């Protein structure tokens, strides 16, 4: 894979609360959220035109189709929302398609000047890319899900679980009755035991 770049971000409890956007900048829902604990995040990027060109074409076509569907919905009911969304999706899709392909073509021209460059994305290249992603994931998983890290997770996880159990028992006993409090307490303990047992299987 040409011009492949791997960016790795690791966190430990000693780092304190880390903005999740710093851990995974591609996660659009992580803004304003913070994480504390062990984590390993890897982002694999490439400007290989054999990968980027199909992606741009497919993604832009999806946007255009969504926009056309919004405009066609006006056959049943004309709304300002349908017009705005339809024109917006179509415009963005067309811009992404033409601007993206124009930029990709410049990079592709440089690749084609190399006699070793193969314009077709062969099965070997696809397999290499898939295997590389799998290996990167396996390495990150092994480095993060260790027995030592599980001890930290279990210690603080149990403290948090016990606090939740006690609060749930007290509130239910006061608001409903003590029988309900005991029943929910037993259910919570059983669920937590199952949860920690399953999670422990990930750490090796």
N, C-alpha and C. Protein backbone atom coordinates (compact mmCIF):
# COMPACT_ATOMS: atom_id res chain seq x y z
N UNK A 1 0.86 -1.19 0.00
CA UNK A 1 0.00 0.00 0.00
C UNK A 1 0.89 1.24 0.00
N UNK A 2 0.67 2.15 -0.95
CA UNK A 2 1.52 3.33 -1.08
C UNK A 2 1.14 4.41 -0.08
N UNK A 3 2.19 5.08 0.46
CA UNK A 3 1.99 6.21 1.37
C UNK A 3 0.99 5.89 2.48
N UNK A 4 1.21 4.77 3.10
CA UNK A 4 0.35 4.38 4.22
C UNK A 4 0.93 4.94 5.51
N UNK A 5 0.07 5.49 6.35
CA UNK A 5 0.51 6.09 7.60
C UNK A 5 -0.32 5.52 8.74
N UNK A 6 0.36 5.10 9.80
CA UNK A 6 -0.33 4.54 10.98
C UNK A 6 -0.07 5.46 12.17
N UNK A 7 -1.14 6.00 12.73
CA UNK A 7 -1.03 6.87 13.90
C UNK A 7 -1.61 6.14 15.11
N UNK A 8 -0.80 6.01 16.15
CA UNK A 8 -1.23 5.28 17.35
C UNK A 8 -1.30 6.23 18.54
N UNK A 9 -2.38 6.11 19.31
CA UNK A 9 -2.56 6.91 20.52
C UNK A 9 -2.86 5.97 21.69
N UNK A 10 -2.06 6.09 22.75
CA UNK A 10 -2.25 5.25 23.93
C UNK A 10 -2.55 6.13 25.14
N UNK A 11 -3.39 5.61 26.04
CA UNK A 11 -3.66 6.31 27.29
C UNK A 11 -3.55 5.32 28.45
N UNK A 12 -3.20 5.84 29.61
CA UNK A 12 -3.16 5.06 30.85
C UNK A 12 -3.85 5.87 31.93
N UNK A 13 -4.21 5.25 33.06
CA UNK A 13 -4.86 6.00 34.15
C UNK A 13 -4.03 7.18 34.64
N UNK A 14 -2.68 7.08 34.49
CA UNK A 14 -1.81 8.17 34.94
C UNK A 14 -2.01 9.44 34.11
N UNK A 15 -2.58 9.31 32.92
CA UNK A 15 -2.81 10.49 32.06
C UNK A 15 -4.01 11.31 32.53
N UNK A 16 -4.77 10.78 33.51
CA UNK A 16 -5.96 11.48 33.98
C UNK A 16 -7.09 11.37 32.96
N UNK A 17 -7.99 12.34 32.98
CA UNK A 17 -9.10 12.35 32.04
C UNK A 17 -8.63 12.97 30.72
N UNK A 18 -8.73 12.17 29.66
CA UNK A 18 -8.27 12.59 28.34
C UNK A 18 -9.48 12.83 27.43
N UNK A 19 -9.45 13.94 26.71
CA UNK A 19 -10.53 14.24 25.77
C UNK A 19 -10.59 13.12 24.74
N UNK A 20 -11.76 12.49 24.57
CA UNK A 20 -11.89 11.37 23.64
C UNK A 20 -11.60 11.79 22.21
N UNK A 21 -11.74 13.06 21.91
CA UNK A 21 -11.42 13.57 20.57
C UNK A 21 -9.94 13.43 20.29
N UNK A 22 -9.10 13.49 21.36
CA UNK A 22 -7.67 13.32 21.19
C UNK A 22 -7.31 11.85 20.98
N UNK A 23 -8.15 10.95 21.49
CA UNK A 23 -7.91 9.52 21.33
C UNK A 23 -8.34 9.06 19.95
N UNK A 24 -9.53 9.48 19.55
CA UNK A 24 -10.06 9.09 18.24
C UNK A 24 -10.67 10.32 17.56
N UNK A 25 -9.85 11.06 16.81
CA UNK A 25 -10.35 12.29 16.17
C UNK A 25 -11.40 12.04 15.10
N UNK A 26 -11.56 10.78 14.65
CA UNK A 26 -12.54 10.46 13.62
C UNK A 26 -13.94 10.24 14.18
N UNK A 27 -14.03 10.09 15.49
CA UNK A 27 -15.34 9.87 16.12
C UNK A 27 -16.04 11.21 16.29
N UNK A 28 -17.10 11.42 15.50
CA UNK A 28 -17.79 12.70 15.50
C UNK A 28 -18.57 12.95 16.79
N UNK A 29 -18.85 11.89 17.56
CA UNK A 29 -19.66 12.02 18.77
C UNK A 29 -18.81 12.10 20.04
N UNK A 30 -17.48 12.17 19.88
CA UNK A 30 -16.61 12.16 21.05
C UNK A 30 -16.30 13.55 21.60
N UNK A 31 -16.73 14.60 20.90
CA UNK A 31 -16.43 15.96 21.36
C UNK A 31 -17.13 16.23 22.69
N UNK A 32 -16.37 16.75 23.66
CA UNK A 32 -16.93 17.08 24.96
C UNK A 32 -16.97 15.89 25.91
N UNK A 33 -16.50 14.72 25.45
CA UNK A 33 -16.48 13.54 26.31
C UNK A 33 -15.04 13.23 26.71
N UNK A 34 -14.89 12.70 27.93
CA UNK A 34 -13.56 12.42 28.44
C UNK A 34 -13.46 10.96 28.89
N UNK A 35 -12.23 10.44 28.84
CA UNK A 35 -12.00 9.03 29.15
C UNK A 35 -10.80 8.91 30.08
N UNK A 36 -10.90 7.97 31.01
CA UNK A 36 -9.77 7.68 31.89
C UNK A 36 -9.59 6.17 31.96
N UNK A 37 -8.38 5.73 31.72
CA UNK A 37 -8.12 4.30 31.76
C UNK A 37 -7.13 3.91 30.68
N UNK A 38 -7.11 2.61 30.36
CA UNK A 38 -6.21 2.10 29.34
C UNK A 38 -6.93 2.06 28.00
N UNK A 39 -6.28 2.58 26.98
CA UNK A 39 -6.84 2.51 25.63
C UNK A 39 -5.72 2.60 24.61
N UNK A 40 -5.95 1.98 23.46
CA UNK A 40 -5.03 2.07 22.34
C UNK A 40 -5.84 2.32 21.09
N UNK A 41 -5.55 3.41 20.43
CA UNK A 41 -6.28 3.77 19.21
C UNK A 41 -5.31 3.88 18.04
N UNK A 42 -5.67 3.27 16.92
CA UNK A 42 -4.82 3.34 15.73
C UNK A 42 -5.65 3.80 14.54
N UNK A 43 -5.09 4.74 13.78
CA UNK A 43 -5.73 5.22 12.56
C UNK A 43 -4.79 4.94 11.39
N UNK A 44 -5.26 4.16 10.45
CA UNK A 44 -4.48 3.83 9.26
C UNK A 44 -4.98 4.68 8.11
N UNK A 45 -4.10 5.49 7.53
CA UNK A 45 -4.50 6.38 6.43
C UNK A 45 -3.61 6.12 5.22
N UNK A 46 -4.13 6.42 4.05
CA UNK A 46 -3.37 6.27 2.81
C UNK A 46 -3.92 7.23 1.76
N UNK A 47 -3.05 7.66 0.85
CA UNK A 47 -3.52 8.44 -0.28
C UNK A 47 -3.36 7.65 -1.58
N UNK A 48 -3.29 6.32 -1.43
CA UNK A 48 -3.23 5.44 -2.60
C UNK A 48 -4.52 5.63 -3.40
N UNK A 49 -4.38 6.10 -4.64
CA UNK A 49 -5.56 6.43 -5.44
C UNK A 49 -6.43 5.22 -5.75
N UNK A 50 -5.86 4.04 -5.67
CA UNK A 50 -6.65 2.83 -5.91
C UNK A 50 -7.64 2.58 -4.78
N UNK A 51 -7.39 3.21 -3.64
CA UNK A 51 -8.29 3.13 -2.49
C UNK A 51 -9.18 4.38 -2.43
N UNK A 52 -8.57 5.55 -2.59
CA UNK A 52 -9.31 6.80 -2.38
C UNK A 52 -10.31 7.10 -3.49
N UNK A 53 -9.96 6.78 -4.75
CA UNK A 53 -10.86 7.11 -5.85
C UNK A 53 -12.19 6.37 -5.74
N UNK A 54 -12.21 5.03 -5.55
CA UNK A 54 -13.51 4.33 -5.39
C UNK A 54 -14.30 4.84 -4.20
N UNK A 55 -13.60 5.17 -3.11
CA UNK A 55 -14.29 5.65 -1.92
C UNK A 55 -14.99 6.97 -2.21
N UNK A 56 -14.28 7.91 -2.84
CA UNK A 56 -14.86 9.23 -3.15
C UNK A 56 -16.05 9.07 -4.09
N UNK A 57 -15.90 8.23 -5.11
CA UNK A 57 -16.99 8.04 -6.08
C UNK A 57 -18.23 7.44 -5.44
N UNK A 58 -18.04 6.42 -4.61
CA UNK A 58 -19.17 5.77 -3.96
C UNK A 58 -19.84 6.70 -2.96
N UNK A 59 -19.04 7.38 -2.13
CA UNK A 59 -19.59 8.26 -1.10
C UNK A 59 -20.34 9.43 -1.73
N UNK A 60 -19.75 10.03 -2.77
CA UNK A 60 -20.41 11.15 -3.43
C UNK A 60 -21.70 10.71 -4.10
N UNK A 61 -21.71 9.50 -4.66
CA UNK A 61 -22.93 8.99 -5.30
C UNK A 61 -24.04 8.77 -4.28
N UNK A 62 -23.66 8.32 -3.07
CA UNK A 62 -24.66 8.13 -2.01
C UNK A 62 -25.31 9.47 -1.65
N UNK A 63 -24.48 10.52 -1.54
CA UNK A 63 -25.01 11.85 -1.22
C UNK A 63 -25.95 12.35 -2.32
N UNK A 64 -25.56 12.13 -3.58
CA UNK A 64 -26.39 12.57 -4.70
C UNK A 64 -27.72 11.84 -4.72
N UNK A 65 -27.68 10.54 -4.47
CA UNK A 65 -28.92 9.75 -4.46
C UNK A 65 -29.85 10.21 -3.34
N UNK A 66 -29.27 10.48 -2.15
CA UNK A 66 -30.08 10.99 -1.04
C UNK A 66 -30.74 12.31 -1.42
N UNK A 67 -29.95 13.19 -2.06
CA UNK A 67 -30.49 14.47 -2.49
C UNK A 67 -31.61 14.32 -3.51
N UNK A 68 -31.43 13.42 -4.47
CA UNK A 68 -32.47 13.19 -5.49
C UNK A 68 -33.74 12.64 -4.86
N UNK A 69 -33.59 11.74 -3.88
CA UNK A 69 -34.75 11.19 -3.19
C UNK A 69 -35.50 12.28 -2.43
N UNK A 70 -34.75 13.20 -1.82
CA UNK A 70 -35.40 14.32 -1.12
C UNK A 70 -36.19 15.19 -2.09
N UNK A 71 -35.61 15.44 -3.27
CA UNK A 71 -36.30 16.25 -4.27
C UNK A 71 -37.52 15.52 -4.83
N UNK A 72 -37.38 14.19 -5.03
CA UNK A 72 -38.51 13.41 -5.54
C UNK A 72 -39.66 13.33 -4.54
N UNK A 73 -39.33 13.49 -3.24
CA UNK A 73 -40.38 13.44 -2.23
C UNK A 73 -41.36 14.60 -2.39
N UNK A 74 -40.94 15.62 -3.14
CA UNK A 74 -41.83 16.76 -3.37
C UNK A 74 -42.99 16.40 -4.29
N UNK A 75 -42.91 15.24 -4.96
CA UNK A 75 -44.03 14.79 -5.78
C UNK A 75 -45.25 14.49 -4.92
N UNK A 76 -44.97 14.14 -3.65
CA UNK A 76 -46.05 13.81 -2.73
C UNK A 76 -46.42 15.00 -1.84
N UNK A 77 -45.38 15.73 -1.41
CA UNK A 77 -45.64 16.90 -0.56
C UNK A 77 -44.47 17.87 -0.69
N UNK A 78 -44.77 19.09 -1.09
CA UNK A 78 -43.73 20.09 -1.27
C UNK A 78 -43.44 20.78 0.06
N UNK A 79 -42.19 20.70 0.51
CA UNK A 79 -41.79 21.36 1.75
C UNK A 79 -40.45 22.06 1.53
N UNK A 80 -40.24 23.12 2.29
CA UNK A 80 -38.97 23.85 2.22
C UNK A 80 -37.81 22.94 2.62
N UNK A 81 -38.05 22.08 3.63
CA UNK A 81 -37.00 21.18 4.11
C UNK A 81 -36.52 20.25 3.01
N UNK A 82 -37.48 19.68 2.25
CA UNK A 82 -37.12 18.76 1.16
C UNK A 82 -36.28 19.47 0.10
N UNK A 83 -36.65 20.69 -0.23
CA UNK A 83 -35.91 21.45 -1.24
C UNK A 83 -34.49 21.75 -0.76
N UNK A 84 -34.39 22.26 0.46
CA UNK A 84 -33.07 22.64 1.00
C UNK A 84 -32.17 21.42 1.12
N UNK A 85 -32.69 20.32 1.74
CA UNK A 85 -31.88 19.12 1.92
C UNK A 85 -31.52 18.50 0.57
N UNK A 86 -32.49 18.46 -0.35
CA UNK A 86 -32.23 17.88 -1.66
C UNK A 86 -31.12 18.60 -2.40
N UNK A 87 -31.23 19.92 -2.48
CA UNK A 87 -30.22 20.72 -3.18
C UNK A 87 -28.87 20.65 -2.47
N UNK A 88 -28.90 20.61 -1.13
CA UNK A 88 -27.65 20.56 -0.36
C UNK A 88 -26.91 19.25 -0.60
N UNK A 89 -27.64 18.12 -0.51
CA UNK A 89 -26.99 16.82 -0.71
C UNK A 89 -26.47 16.67 -2.14
N UNK A 90 -27.25 17.09 -3.12
CA UNK A 90 -26.81 16.99 -4.52
C UNK A 90 -25.59 17.86 -4.76
N UNK A 91 -25.61 19.09 -4.24
CA UNK A 91 -24.49 20.03 -4.44
C UNK A 91 -23.21 19.51 -3.80
N UNK A 92 -23.34 19.03 -2.56
CA UNK A 92 -22.16 18.51 -1.85
C UNK A 92 -21.62 17.27 -2.56
N UNK A 93 -22.54 16.39 -2.99
CA UNK A 93 -22.14 15.18 -3.68
C UNK A 93 -21.39 15.48 -4.98
N UNK A 94 -21.91 16.42 -5.77
CA UNK A 94 -21.27 16.79 -7.04
C UNK A 94 -19.92 17.46 -6.79
N UNK A 95 -19.87 18.35 -5.78
CA UNK A 95 -18.61 19.03 -5.46
C UNK A 95 -17.56 18.02 -5.02
N UNK A 96 -17.96 17.10 -4.14
CA UNK A 96 -17.02 16.09 -3.65
C UNK A 96 -16.52 15.20 -4.78
N UNK A 97 -17.42 14.85 -5.69
CA UNK A 97 -17.05 13.97 -6.79
C UNK A 97 -16.03 14.63 -7.72
N UNK A 98 -16.32 15.86 -8.17
CA UNK A 98 -15.45 16.52 -9.13
C UNK A 98 -14.17 17.05 -8.48
N UNK A 99 -14.32 17.70 -7.31
CA UNK A 99 -13.13 18.23 -6.63
C UNK A 99 -12.24 17.09 -6.13
N UNK A 100 -12.87 16.05 -5.57
CA UNK A 100 -12.10 14.92 -5.07
C UNK A 100 -11.34 14.21 -6.18
N UNK A 101 -12.02 13.94 -7.28
CA UNK A 101 -11.36 13.26 -8.40
C UNK A 101 -10.28 14.13 -9.02
N UNK A 102 -10.47 15.45 -9.01
CA UNK A 102 -9.45 16.35 -9.55
C UNK A 102 -8.18 16.27 -8.72
N UNK A 103 -8.33 16.29 -7.38
CA UNK A 103 -7.17 16.20 -6.49
C UNK A 103 -6.52 14.82 -6.59
N UNK A 104 -7.36 13.80 -6.67
CA UNK A 104 -6.84 12.43 -6.76
C UNK A 104 -6.07 12.24 -8.07
N UNK A 105 -6.55 12.84 -9.14
CA UNK A 105 -5.89 12.70 -10.44
C UNK A 105 -4.47 13.25 -10.40
N UNK A 106 -4.25 14.33 -9.63
CA UNK A 106 -2.90 14.90 -9.50
C UNK A 106 -1.96 13.91 -8.83
N UNK A 107 -2.47 13.27 -7.77
CA UNK A 107 -1.65 12.27 -7.06
C UNK A 107 -1.44 11.05 -7.95
N UNK A 108 -2.49 10.67 -8.68
CA UNK A 108 -2.41 9.50 -9.55
C UNK A 108 -1.37 9.71 -10.65
N UNK A 109 -1.27 10.94 -11.16
CA UNK A 109 -0.29 11.23 -12.21
C UNK A 109 1.13 10.98 -11.72
N UNK A 110 1.39 11.32 -10.44
CA UNK A 110 2.72 11.07 -9.87
C UNK A 110 2.98 9.58 -9.76
N UNK A 111 1.94 8.82 -9.35
CA UNK A 111 2.12 7.38 -9.24
C UNK A 111 2.39 6.75 -10.61
N UNK A 112 1.66 7.21 -11.63
CA UNK A 112 1.79 6.62 -12.97
C UNK A 112 3.16 6.89 -13.58
N UNK A 113 3.83 7.92 -13.08
CA UNK A 113 5.18 8.19 -13.57
C UNK A 113 6.18 7.15 -13.08
N UNK A 114 5.76 6.37 -12.09
CA UNK A 114 6.60 5.29 -11.57
C UNK A 114 6.29 4.02 -12.36
N UNK A 115 7.29 3.46 -12.98
CA UNK A 115 7.08 2.29 -13.84
C UNK A 115 6.58 1.08 -13.07
N UNK A 116 6.80 1.06 -11.75
CA UNK A 116 6.36 -0.08 -10.94
C UNK A 116 4.91 0.03 -10.48
N UNK A 117 4.28 1.16 -10.77
CA UNK A 117 2.91 1.39 -10.30
C UNK A 117 1.91 0.60 -11.17
N UNK A 118 1.04 -0.13 -10.50
CA UNK A 118 -0.01 -0.89 -11.17
C UNK A 118 -1.35 -0.21 -10.88
N UNK A 119 -2.00 0.30 -11.92
CA UNK A 119 -3.22 1.08 -11.74
C UNK A 119 -4.36 0.23 -11.18
N UNK A 120 -4.35 -1.04 -11.50
CA UNK A 120 -5.42 -1.93 -11.03
C UNK A 120 -5.15 -2.36 -9.60
N UNK A 121 -6.21 -2.38 -8.81
CA UNK A 121 -6.09 -2.82 -7.42
C UNK A 121 -6.20 -4.35 -7.40
N UNK A 122 -5.08 -5.01 -7.40
CA UNK A 122 -5.07 -6.46 -7.48
C UNK A 122 -5.56 -7.09 -6.19
N UNK A 123 -5.87 -8.37 -6.28
CA UNK A 123 -6.32 -9.09 -5.09
C UNK A 123 -5.23 -9.15 -4.04
N UNK A 124 -3.96 -9.17 -4.48
CA UNK A 124 -2.84 -9.20 -3.54
C UNK A 124 -2.77 -7.91 -2.73
N UNK A 125 -2.99 -6.78 -3.41
CA UNK A 125 -2.97 -5.49 -2.71
C UNK A 125 -4.12 -5.39 -1.72
N UNK A 126 -5.32 -5.83 -2.15
CA UNK A 126 -6.47 -5.81 -1.24
C UNK A 126 -6.23 -6.71 -0.03
N UNK A 127 -5.64 -7.88 -0.28
CA UNK A 127 -5.36 -8.81 0.82
C UNK A 127 -4.32 -8.22 1.76
N UNK A 128 -3.30 -7.57 1.18
CA UNK A 128 -2.27 -6.94 2.01
C UNK A 128 -2.87 -5.86 2.89
N UNK A 129 -3.77 -5.06 2.34
CA UNK A 129 -4.40 -3.98 3.09
C UNK A 129 -5.26 -4.54 4.22
N UNK A 130 -6.06 -5.58 3.90
CA UNK A 130 -6.93 -6.19 4.91
C UNK A 130 -6.11 -6.87 6.01
N UNK A 131 -5.05 -7.57 5.62
CA UNK A 131 -4.20 -8.25 6.60
C UNK A 131 -3.50 -7.25 7.50
N UNK A 132 -3.09 -6.12 6.90
CA UNK A 132 -2.40 -5.10 7.69
C UNK A 132 -3.32 -4.50 8.74
N UNK A 133 -4.57 -4.22 8.34
CA UNK A 133 -5.53 -3.69 9.30
C UNK A 133 -5.78 -4.69 10.42
N UNK A 134 -5.90 -5.97 10.08
CA UNK A 134 -6.13 -7.01 11.08
C UNK A 134 -4.94 -7.11 12.03
N UNK A 135 -3.74 -7.04 11.49
CA UNK A 135 -2.55 -7.13 12.34
C UNK A 135 -2.44 -5.92 13.27
N UNK A 136 -2.75 -4.73 12.74
CA UNK A 136 -2.72 -3.54 13.58
C UNK A 136 -3.71 -3.65 14.73
N UNK A 137 -4.92 -4.19 14.44
CA UNK A 137 -5.93 -4.37 15.48
C UNK A 137 -5.47 -5.39 16.52
N UNK A 138 -4.89 -6.49 16.06
CA UNK A 138 -4.43 -7.54 16.98
C UNK A 138 -3.34 -7.02 17.91
N UNK A 139 -2.42 -6.23 17.35
CA UNK A 139 -1.34 -5.68 18.17
C UNK A 139 -1.90 -4.73 19.23
N UNK A 140 -2.82 -3.87 18.81
CA UNK A 140 -3.43 -2.92 19.76
C UNK A 140 -4.20 -3.66 20.85
N UNK A 141 -4.94 -4.70 20.45
CA UNK A 141 -5.73 -5.46 21.42
C UNK A 141 -4.82 -6.14 22.45
N UNK A 142 -3.72 -6.74 22.00
CA UNK A 142 -2.81 -7.43 22.91
C UNK A 142 -2.11 -6.47 23.85
N UNK A 143 -1.81 -5.25 23.35
CA UNK A 143 -1.12 -4.27 24.19
C UNK A 143 -2.05 -3.63 25.22
N UNK A 144 -3.35 -3.62 24.91
CA UNK A 144 -4.31 -2.96 25.80
C UNK A 144 -4.95 -3.94 26.78
N UNK A 145 -5.41 -5.08 26.28
CA UNK A 145 -6.13 -6.04 27.11
C UNK A 145 -5.17 -7.01 27.78
N UNK A 146 -4.41 -6.49 28.75
CA UNK A 146 -3.47 -7.31 29.51
C UNK A 146 -4.04 -7.60 30.90
N UNK A 147 -3.45 -8.60 31.55
CA UNK A 147 -3.91 -8.97 32.90
C UNK A 147 -3.71 -7.81 33.88
N UNK A 148 -2.60 -7.09 33.72
CA UNK A 148 -2.32 -5.97 34.60
C UNK A 148 -3.37 -4.88 34.44
N UNK A 149 -3.74 -4.59 33.19
CA UNK A 149 -4.76 -3.58 32.95
C UNK A 149 -6.12 -4.02 33.47
N UNK A 150 -6.39 -5.33 33.41
CA UNK A 150 -7.67 -5.83 33.90
C UNK A 150 -7.79 -5.66 35.41
N UNK A 151 -6.67 -5.82 36.12
CA UNK A 151 -6.70 -5.64 37.57
C UNK A 151 -7.13 -4.21 37.91
N UNK A 152 -6.60 -3.22 37.17
CA UNK A 152 -6.98 -1.82 37.40
C UNK A 152 -8.46 -1.63 37.07
N UNK A 153 -8.89 -2.18 35.93
CA UNK A 153 -10.28 -2.03 35.52
C UNK A 153 -11.23 -2.69 36.53
N UNK A 154 -10.86 -3.87 37.00
CA UNK A 154 -11.72 -4.59 37.95
C UNK A 154 -11.79 -3.88 39.28
N UNK A 155 -10.68 -3.34 39.75
CA UNK A 155 -10.66 -2.65 41.04
C UNK A 155 -11.60 -1.45 41.04
N UNK A 156 -11.47 -0.59 40.03
CA UNK A 156 -12.31 0.60 39.99
C UNK A 156 -13.72 0.28 39.51
N UNK A 157 -13.83 -0.75 38.69
CA UNK A 157 -15.16 -1.16 38.24
C UNK A 157 -15.99 -1.71 39.38
N UNK A 158 -15.37 -2.46 40.27
CA UNK A 158 -16.08 -3.01 41.43
C UNK A 158 -16.51 -1.90 42.39
N UNK A 159 -15.63 -0.92 42.58
CA UNK A 159 -15.99 0.21 43.46
C UNK A 159 -17.21 0.93 42.91
N UNK A 160 -17.21 1.20 41.61
CA UNK A 160 -18.33 1.89 40.98
C UNK A 160 -19.60 1.04 41.07
N UNK A 161 -19.47 -0.27 40.84
CA UNK A 161 -20.63 -1.17 40.89
C UNK A 161 -21.24 -1.24 42.28
N UNK A 162 -20.39 -1.31 43.29
CA UNK A 162 -20.87 -1.38 44.68
C UNK A 162 -21.64 -0.11 45.05
N UNK A 163 -21.13 1.05 44.63
CA UNK A 163 -21.82 2.31 44.90
C UNK A 163 -23.19 2.31 44.25
N UNK A 164 -23.28 1.88 43.00
CA UNK A 164 -24.55 1.82 42.27
C UNK A 164 -25.51 0.85 42.96
N UNK A 165 -24.99 -0.30 43.37
CA UNK A 165 -25.83 -1.31 44.05
C UNK A 165 -26.43 -0.76 45.34
N UNK A 166 -25.59 -0.10 46.13
CA UNK A 166 -26.05 0.44 47.41
C UNK A 166 -27.10 1.52 47.21
N UNK A 167 -26.84 2.44 46.27
CA UNK A 167 -27.79 3.52 46.00
C UNK A 167 -29.12 2.98 45.48
N UNK A 168 -29.04 1.99 44.56
CA UNK A 168 -30.27 1.39 44.03
C UNK A 168 -31.06 0.70 45.13
N UNK A 169 -30.38 -0.01 46.01
CA UNK A 169 -31.05 -0.70 47.11
C UNK A 169 -31.73 0.29 48.06
N UNK A 170 -31.02 1.37 48.42
CA UNK A 170 -31.57 2.35 49.35
C UNK A 170 -32.80 3.05 48.76
N UNK A 171 -32.69 3.53 47.51
CA UNK A 171 -33.79 4.27 46.89
C UNK A 171 -35.02 3.39 46.68
N UNK A 172 -34.82 2.17 46.20
CA UNK A 172 -35.95 1.28 45.96
C UNK A 172 -36.60 0.85 47.28
N UNK A 173 -35.78 0.64 48.30
CA UNK A 173 -36.33 0.26 49.60
C UNK A 173 -37.17 1.39 50.19
N UNK A 174 -36.74 2.64 49.95
CA UNK A 174 -37.47 3.79 50.47
C UNK A 174 -38.70 4.11 49.63
N UNK A 175 -38.56 4.04 48.31
CA UNK A 175 -39.65 4.44 47.43
C UNK A 175 -40.68 3.33 47.21
N UNK A 176 -40.24 2.08 47.19
CA UNK A 176 -41.17 0.96 46.96
C UNK A 176 -41.28 0.14 48.24
N UNK A 177 -40.41 -0.84 48.40
CA UNK A 177 -40.32 -1.60 49.65
C UNK A 177 -38.99 -2.34 49.67
N UNK A 178 -38.65 -2.88 50.82
CA UNK A 178 -37.34 -3.52 50.99
C UNK A 178 -37.22 -4.79 50.16
N UNK A 179 -38.35 -5.48 49.92
CA UNK A 179 -38.32 -6.69 49.10
C UNK A 179 -37.85 -6.37 47.68
N UNK A 180 -38.42 -5.29 47.13
CA UNK A 180 -38.02 -4.86 45.78
C UNK A 180 -36.55 -4.45 45.78
N UNK A 181 -36.11 -3.77 46.84
CA UNK A 181 -34.72 -3.35 46.93
C UNK A 181 -33.77 -4.54 46.93
N UNK A 182 -34.14 -5.58 47.70
CA UNK A 182 -33.30 -6.78 47.77
C UNK A 182 -33.29 -7.51 46.42
N UNK A 183 -34.46 -7.58 45.77
CA UNK A 183 -34.57 -8.27 44.48
C UNK A 183 -33.69 -7.60 43.42
N UNK A 184 -33.80 -6.26 43.32
CA UNK A 184 -33.00 -5.53 42.34
C UNK A 184 -31.51 -5.63 42.68
N UNK A 185 -31.18 -5.63 43.97
CA UNK A 185 -29.79 -5.77 44.39
C UNK A 185 -29.21 -7.10 43.92
N UNK A 186 -29.98 -8.17 44.08
CA UNK A 186 -29.53 -9.50 43.65
C UNK A 186 -29.35 -9.55 42.14
N UNK A 187 -30.32 -8.95 41.42
CA UNK A 187 -30.23 -8.92 39.95
C UNK A 187 -28.98 -8.16 39.51
N UNK A 188 -28.73 -7.00 40.12
CA UNK A 188 -27.56 -6.20 39.76
C UNK A 188 -26.26 -6.95 40.02
N UNK A 189 -26.19 -7.64 41.15
CA UNK A 189 -24.97 -8.39 41.50
C UNK A 189 -24.74 -9.51 40.50
N UNK A 190 -25.81 -10.23 40.13
CA UNK A 190 -25.67 -11.32 39.16
C UNK A 190 -25.23 -10.80 37.79
N UNK A 191 -25.82 -9.68 37.36
CA UNK A 191 -25.44 -9.08 36.07
C UNK A 191 -23.99 -8.63 36.09
N UNK A 192 -23.57 -8.01 37.19
CA UNK A 192 -22.19 -7.54 37.30
C UNK A 192 -21.20 -8.69 37.32
N UNK A 193 -21.56 -9.78 37.99
CA UNK A 193 -20.68 -10.97 38.01
C UNK A 193 -20.51 -11.53 36.59
N UNK A 194 -21.62 -11.61 35.88
CA UNK A 194 -21.57 -12.09 34.49
C UNK A 194 -20.75 -11.14 33.62
N UNK A 195 -20.94 -9.85 33.83
CA UNK A 195 -20.22 -8.84 33.04
C UNK A 195 -18.72 -8.94 33.25
N UNK A 196 -18.28 -8.98 34.50
CA UNK A 196 -16.85 -9.06 34.79
C UNK A 196 -16.25 -10.38 34.31
N UNK A 197 -17.05 -11.45 34.35
CA UNK A 197 -16.56 -12.74 33.85
C UNK A 197 -16.33 -12.69 32.35
N UNK A 198 -17.27 -12.11 31.62
CA UNK A 198 -17.15 -12.01 30.17
C UNK A 198 -16.00 -11.08 29.77
N UNK A 199 -15.89 -9.95 30.48
CA UNK A 199 -14.84 -8.99 30.17
C UNK A 199 -13.46 -9.58 30.43
N UNK A 200 -13.36 -10.40 31.48
CA UNK A 200 -12.06 -11.00 31.83
C UNK A 200 -11.54 -11.89 30.71
N UNK A 201 -12.43 -12.42 29.88
CA UNK A 201 -12.01 -13.28 28.77
C UNK A 201 -11.27 -12.50 27.69
N UNK A 202 -11.48 -11.18 27.65
CA UNK A 202 -10.80 -10.35 26.66
C UNK A 202 -9.35 -10.07 27.03
N UNK A 203 -9.08 -10.11 28.34
CA UNK A 203 -7.74 -9.77 28.82
C UNK A 203 -6.90 -11.03 28.92
N UNK A 204 -5.75 -11.03 28.27
CA UNK A 204 -4.87 -12.22 28.27
C UNK A 204 -3.44 -11.81 28.55
